[in-house]
Amino acid sequence: DGQWYLHLFDVTQPDLNWDHPEVRAEFLDILRFWLDRGV
């Protein structure tokens, strides 16, 4: 559609926007998911 996205690594690795609250909340949940499994 003409827009461009940032990928500091491979084109298949789009950078996340860490100013977005959903991104921050998502990774807090990911941390808890694996911590609860015992890592």
PDB file of all heavy atoms in Angstrom:
ATOM      1  N   ASP A   1       0.813  -1.221   0.000  1.00  0.00           N
ATOM      2  CA  ASP A   1       0.000   0.000   0.000  1.00  0.00           C
ATOM      3  C   ASP A   1       0.846   1.270   0.000  1.00  0.00           C
ATOM      4  O   ASP A   1       0.314   2.375   0.102  1.00  0.00           O
ATOM      5  CB  ASP A   1      -0.974   0.018   1.179  1.00  0.00           C
ATOM      6  CG  ASP A   1      -0.283  -0.145   2.524  1.00  0.00           C
ATOM      7  OD1 ASP A   1       0.780   0.482   2.741  1.00  0.00           O
ATOM      8  OD2 ASP A   1      -0.792  -0.901   3.370  1.00  0.00           O
ATOM      9  N   GLY A   2       2.168   1.119  -0.078  1.00  0.00           N
ATOM     10  CA  GLY A   2       3.038   2.279  -0.215  1.00  0.00           C
ATOM     11  C   GLY A   2       3.762   2.705   1.036  1.00  0.00           C
ATOM     12  O   GLY A   2       4.747   3.452   0.958  1.00  0.00           O
ATOM     13  N   GLN A   3       3.300   2.287   2.221  1.00  0.00           N
ATOM     14  CA  GLN A   3       4.004   2.650   3.452  1.00  0.00           C
ATOM     15  C   GLN A   3       5.293   1.832   3.598  1.00  0.00           C
ATOM     16  O   GLN A   3       5.492   0.816   2.933  1.00  0.00           O
ATOM     17  CB  GLN A   3       3.101   2.456   4.669  1.00  0.00           C
ATOM     18  CG  GLN A   3       2.117   3.599   4.894  1.00  0.00           C
ATOM     19  CD  GLN A   3       1.654   3.676   6.343  1.00  0.00           C
ATOM     20  OE1 GLN A   3       1.329   2.677   6.972  1.00  0.00           O
ATOM     21  NE2 GLN A   3       1.614   4.901   6.875  1.00  0.00           N
ATOM     22  N   TRP A   4       6.141   2.313   4.506  1.00  0.00           N
ATOM     23  CA  TRP A   4       7.426   1.682   4.773  1.00  0.00           C
ATOM     24  C   TRP A   4       7.498   1.317   6.262  1.00  0.00           C
ATOM     25  O   TRP A   4       6.998   2.055   7.112  1.00  0.00           O
ATOM     26  CB  TRP A   4       8.575   2.635   4.436  1.00  0.00           C
ATOM     27  CG  TRP A   4       8.621   3.106   3.011  1.00  0.00           C
ATOM     28  CD1 TRP A   4       7.762   3.977   2.402  1.00  0.00           C
ATOM     29  CD2 TRP A   4       9.582   2.731   2.026  1.00  0.00           C
ATOM     30  NE1 TRP A   4       8.110   4.181   1.097  1.00  0.00           N
ATOM     31  CE2 TRP A   4       9.243   3.422   0.832  1.00  0.00           C
ATOM     32  CE3 TRP A   4      10.696   1.896   2.014  1.00  0.00           C
ATOM     33  CZ2 TRP A   4       9.980   3.302  -0.344  1.00  0.00           C
ATOM     34  CZ3 TRP A   4      11.433   1.772   0.848  1.00  0.00           C
ATOM     35  CH2 TRP A   4      11.078   2.466  -0.308  1.00  0.00           C
ATOM     36  N   TYR A   5       8.139   0.179   6.562  1.00  0.00           N
ATOM     37  CA  TYR A   5       8.351  -0.174   7.967  1.00  0.00           C
ATOM     38  C   TYR A   5       9.844  -0.352   8.240  1.00  0.00           C
ATOM     39  O   TYR A   5      10.624  -0.681   7.344  1.00  0.00           O
ATOM     40  CB  TYR A   5       7.571  -1.432   8.366  1.00  0.00           C
ATOM     41  CG  TYR A   5       8.016  -2.714   7.709  1.00  0.00           C
ATOM     42  CD1 TYR A   5       9.061  -3.486   8.236  1.00  0.00           C
ATOM     43  CD2 TYR A   5       7.379  -3.187   6.566  1.00  0.00           C
ATOM     44  CE1 TYR A   5       9.465  -4.668   7.646  1.00  0.00           C
ATOM     45  CE2 TYR A   5       7.771  -4.379   5.966  1.00  0.00           C
ATOM     46  CZ  TYR A   5       8.813  -5.117   6.513  1.00  0.00           C
ATOM     47  OH  TYR A   5       9.213  -6.289   5.913  1.00  0.00           O
ATOM     48  N   LEU A   6      10.209  -0.133   9.497  1.00  0.00           N
ATOM     49  CA  LEU A   6      11.599  -0.233   9.934  1.00  0.00           C
ATOM     50  C   LEU A   6      11.950  -1.676  10.284  1.00  0.00           C
ATOM     51  O   LEU A   6      11.193  -2.350  10.995  1.00  0.00           O
ATOM     52  CB  LEU A   6      11.829   0.655  11.159  1.00  0.00           C
ATOM     53  CG  LEU A   6      13.243   0.628  11.758  1.00  0.00           C
ATOM     54  CD1 LEU A   6      14.259   1.249  10.802  1.00  0.00           C
ATOM     55  CD2 LEU A   6      13.270   1.347  13.114  1.00  0.00           C
ATOM     56  N   HIS A   7      13.095  -2.127   9.830  1.00  0.00           N
ATOM     57  CA  HIS A   7      13.637  -3.430  10.236  1.00  0.00           C
ATOM     58  C   HIS A   7      15.152  -3.255  10.368  1.00  0.00           C
ATOM     59  O   HIS A   7      15.868  -3.196   9.390  1.00  0.00           O
ATOM     60  CB  HIS A   7      13.288  -4.527   9.225  1.00  0.00           C
ATOM     61  CG  HIS A   7      13.828  -4.294   7.846  1.00  0.00           C
ATOM     62  ND1 HIS A   7      15.047  -4.801   7.434  1.00  0.00           N
ATOM     63  CD2 HIS A   7      13.338  -3.590   6.805  1.00  0.00           C
ATOM     64  CE1 HIS A   7      15.262  -4.424   6.174  1.00  0.00           C
ATOM     65  NE2 HIS A   7      14.248  -3.683   5.775  1.00  0.00           N
ATOM     66  N   LEU A   8      15.636  -3.164  11.568  1.00  0.00           N
ATOM     67  CA  LEU A   8      17.068  -2.990  11.779  1.00  0.00           C
ATOM     68  C   LEU A   8      17.849  -4.259  11.462  1.00  0.00           C
ATOM     69  O   LEU A   8      19.072  -4.219  11.357  1.00  0.00           O
ATOM     70  CB  LEU A   8      17.350  -2.540  13.211  1.00  0.00           C
ATOM     71  CG  LEU A   8      16.952  -1.101  13.531  1.00  0.00           C
ATOM     72  CD1 LEU A   8      17.240  -0.788  14.992  1.00  0.00           C
ATOM     73  CD2 LEU A   8      17.650  -0.101  12.620  1.00  0.00           C
ATOM     74  N   PHE A   9      17.137  -5.362  11.294  1.00  0.00           N
ATOM     75  CA  PHE A   9      17.790  -6.618  10.923  1.00  0.00           C
ATOM     76  C   PHE A   9      17.204  -7.079   9.586  1.00  0.00           C
ATOM     77  O   PHE A   9      17.117  -6.292   8.655  1.00  0.00           O
ATOM     78  CB  PHE A   9      17.648  -7.631  12.061  1.00  0.00           C
ATOM     79  CG  PHE A   9      18.424  -7.209  13.291  1.00  0.00           C
ATOM     80  CD1 PHE A   9      17.850  -6.350  14.233  1.00  0.00           C
ATOM     81  CD2 PHE A   9      19.730  -7.611  13.486  1.00  0.00           C
ATOM     82  CE1 PHE A   9      18.571  -5.921  15.334  1.00  0.00           C
ATOM     83  CE2 PHE A   9      20.466  -7.181  14.590  1.00  0.00           C
ATOM     84  CZ  PHE A   9      19.884  -6.331  15.507  1.00  0.00           C
ATOM     85  N   ASP A  10      16.798  -8.305   9.473  1.00  0.00           N
ATOM     86  CA  ASP A  10      16.298  -8.788   8.187  1.00  0.00           C
ATOM     87  C   ASP A  10      14.938  -8.164   7.866  1.00  0.00           C
ATOM     88  O   ASP A  10      14.195  -7.748   8.765  1.00  0.00           O
ATOM     89  CB  ASP A  10      16.181 -10.315   8.231  1.00  0.00           C
ATOM     90  CG  ASP A  10      15.896 -10.921   6.876  1.00  0.00           C
ATOM     91  OD1 ASP A  10      16.719 -10.738   5.967  1.00  0.00           O
ATOM     92  OD2 ASP A  10      14.841 -11.559   6.732  1.00  0.00           O
ATOM     93  N   VAL A  11      14.591  -8.145   6.583  1.00  0.00           N
ATOM     94  CA  VAL A  11      13.313  -7.583   6.150  1.00  0.00           C
ATOM     95  C   VAL A  11      12.143  -8.344   6.755  1.00  0.00           C
ATOM     96  O   VAL A  11      11.036  -7.811   6.891  1.00  0.00           O
ATOM     97  CB  VAL A  11      13.236  -7.579   4.603  1.00  0.00           C
ATOM     98  CG1 VAL A  11      13.165  -8.994   4.061  1.00  0.00           C
ATOM     99  CG2 VAL A  11      12.077  -6.740   4.101  1.00  0.00           C
ATOM    100  N   THR A  12      12.359  -9.593   7.167  1.00  0.00           N
ATOM    101  CA  THR A  12      11.316 -10.403   7.806  1.00  0.00           C
ATOM    102  C   THR A  12      11.260 -10.181   9.318  1.00  0.00           C
ATOM    103  O   THR A  12      10.550 -10.921  10.012  1.00  0.00           O
ATOM    104  CB  THR A  12      11.552 -11.895   7.529  1.00  0.00           C
ATOM    105  OG1 THR A  12      12.793 -12.300   8.130  1.00  0.00           O
ATOM    106  CG2 THR A  12      11.594 -12.175   6.042  1.00  0.00           C
ATOM    107  N   GLN A  13      11.963  -9.153   9.822  1.00  0.00           N
ATOM    108  CA  GLN A  13      12.002  -8.875  11.259  1.00  0.00           C
ATOM    109  C   GLN A  13      11.627  -7.413  11.526  1.00  0.00           C
ATOM    110  O   GLN A  13      12.476  -6.578  11.847  1.00  0.00           O
ATOM    111  CB  GLN A  13      13.401  -9.176  11.812  1.00  0.00           C
ATOM    112  CG  GLN A  13      13.775 -10.657  11.738  1.00  0.00           C
ATOM    113  CD  GLN A  13      15.251 -10.894  12.006  1.00  0.00           C
ATOM    114  OE1 GLN A  13      16.107 -10.437  11.256  1.00  0.00           O
ATOM    115  NE2 GLN A  13      15.550 -11.612  13.067  1.00  0.00           N
ATOM    116  N   PRO A  14      10.339  -7.058  11.398  1.00  0.00           N
ATOM    117  CA  PRO A  14       9.915  -5.675  11.632  1.00  0.00           C
ATOM    118  C   PRO A  14      10.099  -5.253  13.090  1.00  0.00           C
ATOM    119  O   PRO A  14       9.733  -5.988  14.012  1.00  0.00           O
ATOM    120  CB  PRO A  14       8.433  -5.695  11.244  1.00  0.00           C
ATOM    121  CG  PRO A  14       8.008  -7.121  11.424  1.00  0.00           C
ATOM    122  CD  PRO A  14       9.210  -7.941  11.053  1.00  0.00           C
ATOM    123  N   ASP A  15      10.670  -4.070  13.282  1.00  0.00           N
ATOM    124  CA  ASP A  15      10.892  -3.552  14.633  1.00  0.00           C
ATOM    125  C   ASP A  15       9.568  -3.160  15.284  1.00  0.00           C
ATOM    126  O   ASP A  15       8.698  -2.543  14.646  1.00  0.00           O
ATOM    127  CB  ASP A  15      11.818  -2.334  14.596  1.00  0.00           C
ATOM    128  CG  ASP A  15      13.266  -2.724  14.451  1.00  0.00           C
ATOM    129  OD1 ASP A  15      13.580  -3.526  13.551  1.00  0.00           O
ATOM    130  OD2 ASP A  15      14.093  -2.215  15.231  1.00  0.00           O
ATOM    131  N   LEU A  16       9.448  -3.493  16.566  1.00  0.00           N
ATOM    132  CA  LEU A  16       8.280  -3.105  17.345  1.00  0.00           C
ATOM    133  C   LEU A  16       8.394  -1.643  17.788  1.00  0.00           C
ATOM    134  O   LEU A  16       9.494  -1.099  17.926  1.00  0.00           O
ATOM    135  CB  LEU A  16       8.133  -4.002  18.575  1.00  0.00           C
ATOM    136  CG  LEU A  16       7.640  -5.427  18.292  1.00  0.00           C
ATOM    137  CD1 LEU A  16       7.964  -6.348  19.461  1.00  0.00           C
ATOM    138  CD2 LEU A  16       6.140  -5.430  18.001  1.00  0.00           C
ATOM    139  N   ASN A  17       7.244  -1.036  18.040  1.00  0.00           N
ATOM    140  CA  ASN A  17       7.168   0.327  18.558  1.00  0.00           C
ATOM    141  C   ASN A  17       7.022   0.262  20.074  1.00  0.00           C
ATOM    142  O   ASN A  17       5.916   0.055  20.597  1.00  0.00           O
ATOM    143  CB  ASN A  17       5.985   1.057  17.933  1.00  0.00           C
ATOM    144  CG  ASN A  17       5.746   2.422  18.570  1.00  0.00           C
ATOM    145  OD1 ASN A  17       6.630   2.967  19.230  1.00  0.00           O
ATOM    146  ND2 ASN A  17       4.551   2.960  18.380  1.00  0.00           N
ATOM    147  N   TRP A  18       8.124   0.452  20.785  1.00  0.00           N
ATOM    148  CA  TRP A  18       8.107   0.301  22.232  1.00  0.00           C
ATOM    149  C   TRP A  18       7.535   1.510  22.965  1.00  0.00           C
ATOM    150  O   TRP A  18       7.466   1.524  24.191  1.00  0.00           O
ATOM    151  CB  TRP A  18       9.501  -0.058  22.742  1.00  0.00           C
ATOM    152  CG  TRP A  18       9.694  -1.538  22.708  1.00  0.00           C
ATOM    153  CD1 TRP A  18      10.153  -2.297  21.684  1.00  0.00           C
ATOM    154  CD2 TRP A  18       9.359  -2.459  23.756  1.00  0.00           C
ATOM    155  NE1 TRP A  18      10.127  -3.628  22.010  1.00  0.00           N
ATOM    156  CE2 TRP A  18       9.654  -3.754  23.281  1.00  0.00           C
ATOM    157  CE3 TRP A  18       8.837  -2.310  25.029  1.00  0.00           C
ATOM    158  CZ2 TRP A  18       9.440  -4.894  24.052  1.00  0.00           C
ATOM    159  CZ3 TRP A  18       8.638  -3.440  25.809  1.00  0.00           C
ATOM    160  CH2 TRP A  18       8.934  -4.712  25.321  1.00  0.00           C
ATOM    161  N   ASP A  19       7.066   2.502  22.222  1.00  0.00           N
ATOM    162  CA  ASP A  19       6.295   3.589  22.840  1.00  0.00           C
ATOM    163  C   ASP A  19       4.822   3.215  22.960  1.00  0.00           C
ATOM    164  O   ASP A  19       4.045   3.953  23.567  1.00  0.00           O
ATOM    165  CB  ASP A  19       6.423   4.866  21.992  1.00  0.00           C
ATOM    166  CG  ASP A  19       7.818   5.453  22.055  1.00  0.00           C
ATOM    167  OD1 ASP A  19       8.470   5.320  23.110  1.00  0.00           O
ATOM    168  OD2 ASP A  19       8.268   6.031  21.047  1.00  0.00           O
ATOM    169  N   HIS A  20       4.438   2.078  22.394  1.00  0.00           N
ATOM    170  CA  HIS A  20       3.041   1.651  22.390  1.00  0.00           C
ATOM    171  C   HIS A  20       2.744   0.831  23.648  1.00  0.00           C
ATOM    172  O   HIS A  20       3.430  -0.159  23.937  1.00  0.00           O
ATOM    173  CB  HIS A  20       2.765   0.811  21.148  1.00  0.00           C
ATOM    174  CG  HIS A  20       1.316   0.680  20.813  1.00  0.00           C
ATOM    175  ND1 HIS A  20       0.398   0.072  21.639  1.00  0.00           N
ATOM    176  CD2 HIS A  20       0.599   1.096  19.723  1.00  0.00           C
ATOM    177  CE1 HIS A  20      -0.795   0.106  21.092  1.00  0.00           C
ATOM    178  NE2 HIS A  20      -0.702   0.722  19.919  1.00  0.00           N
ATOM    179  N   PRO A  21       1.713   1.191  24.406  1.00  0.00           N
ATOM    180  CA  PRO A  21       1.433   0.461  25.656  1.00  0.00           C
ATOM    181  C   PRO A  21       1.095  -1.003  25.438  1.00  0.00           C
ATOM    182  O   PRO A  21       1.379  -1.838  26.303  1.00  0.00           O
ATOM    183  CB  PRO A  21       0.239   1.229  26.258  1.00  0.00           C
ATOM    184  CG  PRO A  21      -0.330   2.032  25.131  1.00  0.00           C
ATOM    185  CD  PRO A  21       0.803   2.336  24.212  1.00  0.00           C
ATOM    186  N   GLU A  22       0.494  -1.358  24.298  1.00  0.00           N
ATOM    187  CA  GLU A  22       0.179  -2.768  24.053  1.00  0.00           C
ATOM    188  C   GLU A  22       1.440  -3.608  23.915  1.00  0.00           C
ATOM    189  O   GLU A  22       1.470  -4.774  24.329  1.00  0.00           O
ATOM    190  CB  GLU A  22      -0.687  -2.909  22.797  1.00  0.00           C
ATOM    191  CG  GLU A  22      -2.126  -2.463  22.972  1.00  0.00           C
ATOM    192  CD  GLU A  22      -2.957  -2.777  21.743  1.00  0.00           C
ATOM    193  OE1 GLU A  22      -2.674  -3.787  21.068  1.00  0.00           O
ATOM    194  OE2 GLU A  22      -3.882  -2.006  21.448  1.00  0.00           O
ATOM    195  N   VAL A  23       2.480  -3.030  23.318  1.00  0.00           N
ATOM    196  CA  VAL A  23       3.743  -3.753  23.176  1.00  0.00           C
ATOM    197  C   VAL A  23       4.332  -4.025  24.557  1.00  0.00           C
ATOM    198  O   VAL A  23       4.759  -5.149  24.867  1.00  0.00           O
ATOM    199  CB  VAL A  23       4.728  -2.965  22.294  1.00  0.00           C
ATOM    200  CG1 VAL A  23       6.098  -3.634  22.291  1.00  0.00           C
ATOM    201  CG2 VAL A  23       4.189  -2.842  20.872  1.00  0.00           C
ATOM    202  N   ARG A  24       4.334  -3.008  25.403  1.00  0.00           N
ATOM    203  CA  ARG A  24       4.898  -3.183  26.752  1.00  0.00           C
ATOM    204  C   ARG A  24       4.106  -4.205  27.554  1.00  0.00           C
ATOM    205  O   ARG A  24       4.679  -5.061  28.233  1.00  0.00           O
ATOM    206  CB  ARG A  24       4.946  -1.835  27.457  1.00  0.00           C
ATOM    207  CG  ARG A  24       5.845  -0.836  26.755  1.00  0.00           C
ATOM    208  CD  ARG A  24       6.242   0.306  27.640  1.00  0.00           C
ATOM    209  NE  ARG A  24       7.144   1.212  26.930  1.00  0.00           N
ATOM    210  CZ  ARG A  24       8.035   1.997  27.521  1.00  0.00           C
ATOM    211  NH1 ARG A  24       8.160   1.975  28.828  1.00  0.00           N
ATOM    212  NH2 ARG A  24       8.805   2.788  26.810  1.00  0.00           N
ATOM    213  N   ALA A  25       2.785  -4.142  27.466  1.00  0.00           N
ATOM    214  CA  ALA A  25       1.953  -5.078  28.219  1.00  0.00           C
ATOM    215  C   ALA A  25       2.132  -6.502  27.703  1.00  0.00           C
ATOM    216  O   ALA A  25       2.158  -7.467  28.480  1.00  0.00           O
ATOM    217  CB  ALA A  25       0.489  -4.658  28.118  1.00  0.00           C
ATOM    218  N   GLU A  26       2.264  -6.647  26.388  1.00  0.00           N
ATOM    219  CA  GLU A  26       2.438  -7.976  25.794  1.00  0.00           C
ATOM    220  C   GLU A  26       3.690  -8.662  26.326  1.00  0.00           C
ATOM    221  O   GLU A  26       3.667  -9.853  26.682  1.00  0.00           O
ATOM    222  CB  GLU A  26       2.496  -7.858  24.270  1.00  0.00           C
ATOM    223  CG  GLU A  26       2.871  -9.130  23.536  1.00  0.00           C
ATOM    224  CD  GLU A  26       1.794 -10.192  23.534  1.00  0.00           C
ATOM    225  OE1 GLU A  26       0.735  -9.974  24.176  1.00  0.00           O
ATOM    226  OE2 GLU A  26       1.990 -11.245  22.905  1.00  0.00           O
ATOM    227  N   PHE A  27       4.788  -7.934  26.416  1.00  0.00           N
ATOM    228  CA  PHE A  27       6.026  -8.580  26.853  1.00  0.00           C
ATOM    229  C   PHE A  27       6.048  -8.824  28.356  1.00  0.00           C
ATOM    230  O   PHE A  27       6.678  -9.795  28.810  1.00  0.00           O
ATOM    231  CB  PHE A  27       7.234  -7.790  26.364  1.00  0.00           C
ATOM    232  CG  PHE A  27       7.622  -8.171  24.966  1.00  0.00           C
ATOM    233  CD1 PHE A  27       7.018  -7.566  23.882  1.00  0.00           C
ATOM    234  CD2 PHE A  27       8.539  -9.186  24.732  1.00  0.00           C
ATOM    235  CE1 PHE A  27       7.336  -7.940  22.582  1.00  0.00           C
ATOM    236  CE2 PHE A  27       8.857  -9.577  23.447  1.00  0.00           C
ATOM    237  CZ  PHE A  27       8.262  -8.952  22.362  1.00  0.00           C
ATOM    238  N   LEU A  28       5.347  -8.039  29.124  1.00  0.00           N
ATOM    239  CA  LEU A  28       5.211  -8.365  30.541  1.00  0.00           C
ATOM    240  C   LEU A  28       4.473  -9.692  30.697  1.00  0.00           C
ATOM    241  O   LEU A  28       4.820 -10.522  31.546  1.00  0.00           O
ATOM    242  CB  LEU A  28       4.464  -7.247  31.273  1.00  0.00           C
ATOM    243  CG  LEU A  28       5.212  -5.924  31.421  1.00  0.00           C
ATOM    244  CD1 LEU A  28       4.299  -4.877  32.058  1.00  0.00           C
ATOM    245  CD2 LEU A  28       6.475  -6.099  32.269  1.00  0.00           C
ATOM    246  N   ASP A  29       3.476  -9.904  29.851  1.00  0.00           N
ATOM    247  CA  ASP A  29       2.731 -11.153  29.910  1.00  0.00           C
ATOM    248  C   ASP A  29       3.584 -12.327  29.442  1.00  0.00           C
ATOM    249  O   ASP A  29       3.514 -13.428  29.996  1.00  0.00           O
ATOM    250  CB  ASP A  29       1.470 -11.040  29.043  1.00  0.00           C
ATOM    251  CG  ASP A  29       0.529 -12.212  29.259  1.00  0.00           C
ATOM    252  OD1 ASP A  29      -0.099 -12.273  30.325  1.00  0.00           O
ATOM    253  OD2 ASP A  29       0.456 -13.075  28.364  1.00  0.00           O
ATOM    254  N   ILE A  30       4.413 -12.089  28.410  1.00  0.00           N
ATOM    255  CA  ILE A  30       5.313 -13.151  27.930  1.00  0.00           C
ATOM    256  C   ILE A  30       6.315 -13.532  29.025  1.00  0.00           C
ATOM    257  O   ILE A  30       6.599 -14.723  29.241  1.00  0.00           O
ATOM    258  CB  ILE A  30       6.042 -12.696  26.653  1.00  0.00           C
ATOM    259  CG1 ILE A  30       5.047 -12.588  25.493  1.00  0.00           C
ATOM    260  CG2 ILE A  30       7.171 -13.658  26.295  1.00  0.00           C
ATOM    261  CD1 ILE A  30       5.598 -11.862  24.281  1.00  0.00           C
ATOM    262  N   LEU A  31       6.854 -12.540  29.716  1.00  0.00           N
ATOM    263  CA  LEU A  31       7.750 -12.836  30.833  1.00  0.00           C
ATOM    264  C   LEU A  31       7.065 -13.752  31.847  1.00  0.00           C
ATOM    265  O   LEU A  31       7.624 -14.778  32.265  1.00  0.00           O
ATOM    266  CB  LEU A  31       8.178 -11.540  31.527  1.00  0.00           C
ATOM    267  CG  LEU A  31       9.115 -10.589  30.797  1.00  0.00           C
ATOM    268  CD1 LEU A  31       9.271  -9.310  31.594  1.00  0.00           C
ATOM    269  CD2 LEU A  31      10.477 -11.219  30.549  1.00  0.00           C
ATOM    270  N   ARG A  32       5.859 -13.387  32.236  1.00  0.00           N
ATOM    271  CA  ARG A  32       5.149 -14.176  33.252  1.00  0.00           C
ATOM    272  C   ARG A  32       4.826 -15.573  32.738  1.00  0.00           C
ATOM    273  O   ARG A  32       4.860 -16.546  33.510  1.00  0.00           O
ATOM    274  CB  ARG A  32       3.872 -13.439  33.676  1.00  0.00           C
ATOM    275  CG  ARG A  32       4.130 -12.119  34.399  1.00  0.00           C
ATOM    276  CD  ARG A  32       2.836 -11.526  34.950  1.00  0.00           C
ATOM    277  NE  ARG A  32       3.074 -10.254  35.610  1.00  0.00           N
ATOM    278  CZ  ARG A  32       2.865  -9.058  35.050  1.00  0.00           C
ATOM    279  NH1 ARG A  32       2.378  -8.994  33.803  1.00  0.00           N
ATOM    280  NH2 ARG A  32       3.112  -7.951  35.713  1.00  0.00           N
ATOM    281  N   PHE A  33       4.512 -15.693  31.452  1.00  0.00           N
ATOM    282  CA  PHE A  33       4.195 -17.006  30.884  1.00  0.00           C
ATOM    283  C   PHE A  33       5.352 -17.976  31.117  1.00  0.00           C
ATOM    284  O   PHE A  33       5.138 -19.118  31.560  1.00  0.00           O
ATOM    285  CB  PHE A  33       3.911 -16.858  29.381  1.00  0.00           C
ATOM    286  CG  PHE A  33       3.635 -18.155  28.678  1.00  0.00           C
ATOM    287  CD1 PHE A  33       2.355 -18.680  28.640  1.00  0.00           C
ATOM    288  CD2 PHE A  33       4.665 -18.862  28.046  1.00  0.00           C
ATOM    289  CE1 PHE A  33       2.097 -19.889  27.989  1.00  0.00           C
ATOM    290  CE2 PHE A  33       4.410 -20.067  27.391  1.00  0.00           C
ATOM    291  CZ  PHE A  33       3.125 -20.580  27.366  1.00  0.00           C
ATOM    292  N   TRP A  34       6.578 -17.557  30.819  1.00  0.00           N
ATOM    293  CA  TRP A  34       7.726 -18.458  30.953  1.00  0.00           C
ATOM    294  C   TRP A  34       8.211 -18.558  32.392  1.00  0.00           C
ATOM    295  O   TRP A  34       8.667 -19.630  32.829  1.00  0.00           O
ATOM    296  CB  TRP A  34       8.844 -18.029  30.007  1.00  0.00           C
ATOM    297  CG  TRP A  34       8.475 -18.324  28.588  1.00  0.00           C
ATOM    298  CD1 TRP A  34       8.068 -17.445  27.627  1.00  0.00           C
ATOM    299  CD2 TRP A  34       8.427 -19.622  27.977  1.00  0.00           C
ATOM    300  NE1 TRP A  34       7.774 -18.103  26.460  1.00  0.00           N
ATOM    301  CE2 TRP A  34       7.989 -19.437  26.641  1.00  0.00           C
ATOM    302  CE3 TRP A  34       8.714 -20.907  28.420  1.00  0.00           C
ATOM    303  CZ2 TRP A  34       7.835 -20.506  25.754  1.00  0.00           C
ATOM    304  CZ3 TRP A  34       8.564 -21.977  27.538  1.00  0.00           C
ATOM    305  CH2 TRP A  34       8.123 -21.774  26.222  1.00  0.00           C
ATOM    306  N   LEU A  35       8.090 -17.488  33.159  1.00  0.00           N
ATOM    307  CA  LEU A  35       8.450 -17.571  34.581  1.00  0.00           C
ATOM    308  C   LEU A  35       7.543 -18.564  35.300  1.00  0.00           C
ATOM    309  O   LEU A  35       7.998 -19.346  36.146  1.00  0.00           O
ATOM    310  CB  LEU A  35       8.355 -16.190  35.228  1.00  0.00           C
ATOM    311  CG  LEU A  35       9.410 -15.172  34.796  1.00  0.00           C
ATOM    312  CD1 LEU A  35       9.030 -13.778  35.259  1.00  0.00           C
ATOM    313  CD2 LEU A  35      10.796 -15.557  35.327  1.00  0.00           C
ATOM    314  N   ASP A  36       6.259 -18.540  34.964  1.00  0.00           N
ATOM    315  CA  ASP A  36       5.325 -19.471  35.591  1.00  0.00           C
ATOM    316  C   ASP A  36       5.610 -20.916  35.190  1.00  0.00           C
ATOM    317  O   ASP A  36       5.245 -21.853  35.915  1.00  0.00           O
ATOM    318  CB  ASP A  36       3.884 -19.114  35.216  1.00  0.00           C
ATOM    319  CG  ASP A  36       3.406 -17.818  35.863  1.00  0.00           C
ATOM    320  OD1 ASP A  36       4.045 -17.357  36.826  1.00  0.00           O
ATOM    321  OD2 ASP A  36       2.400 -17.255  35.382  1.00  0.00           O
ATOM    322  N   ARG A  37       6.278 -21.121  34.057  1.00  0.00           N
ATOM    323  CA  ARG A  37       6.650 -22.468  33.631  1.00  0.00           C
ATOM    324  C   ARG A  37       7.983 -22.893  34.248  1.00  0.00           C
ATOM    325  O   ARG A  37       8.455 -24.009  33.995  1.00  0.00           O
ATOM    326  CB  ARG A  37       6.708 -22.564  32.109  1.00  0.00           C
ATOM    327  CG  ARG A  37       5.406 -22.229  31.424  1.00  0.00           C
ATOM    328  CD  ARG A  37       5.418 -22.582  29.955  1.00  0.00           C
ATOM    329  NE  ARG A  37       4.898 -23.927  29.731  1.00  0.00           N
ATOM    330  CZ  ARG A  37       3.608 -24.237  29.580  1.00  0.00           C
ATOM    331  NH1 ARG A  37       2.709 -23.274  29.629  1.00  0.00           N
ATOM    332  NH2 ARG A  37       3.229 -25.481  29.380  1.00  0.00           N
ATOM    333  N   GLY A  38       8.635 -21.989  34.980  1.00  0.00           N
ATOM    334  CA  GLY A  38       9.809 -22.383  35.754  1.00  0.00           C
ATOM    335  C   GLY A  38      11.145 -21.919  35.238  1.00  0.00           C
ATOM    336  O   GLY A  38      12.180 -22.297  35.815  1.00  0.00           O
ATOM    337  N   VAL A  39      11.194 -21.115  34.159  1.00  0.00           N
ATOM    338  CA  VAL A  39      12.510 -20.679  33.700  1.00  0.00           C
ATOM    339  C   VAL A  39      13.153 -19.775  34.737  1.00  0.00           C
ATOM    340  O   VAL A  39      12.483 -19.092  35.509  1.00  0.00           O
ATOM    341  CB  VAL A  39      12.450 -19.975  32.324  1.00  0.00           C
ATOM    342  CG1 VAL A  39      11.784 -20.850  31.286  1.00  0.00           C
ATOM    343  CG2 VAL A  39      11.789 -18.618  32.422  1.00  0.00           C
TER     344      VAL A  39
END
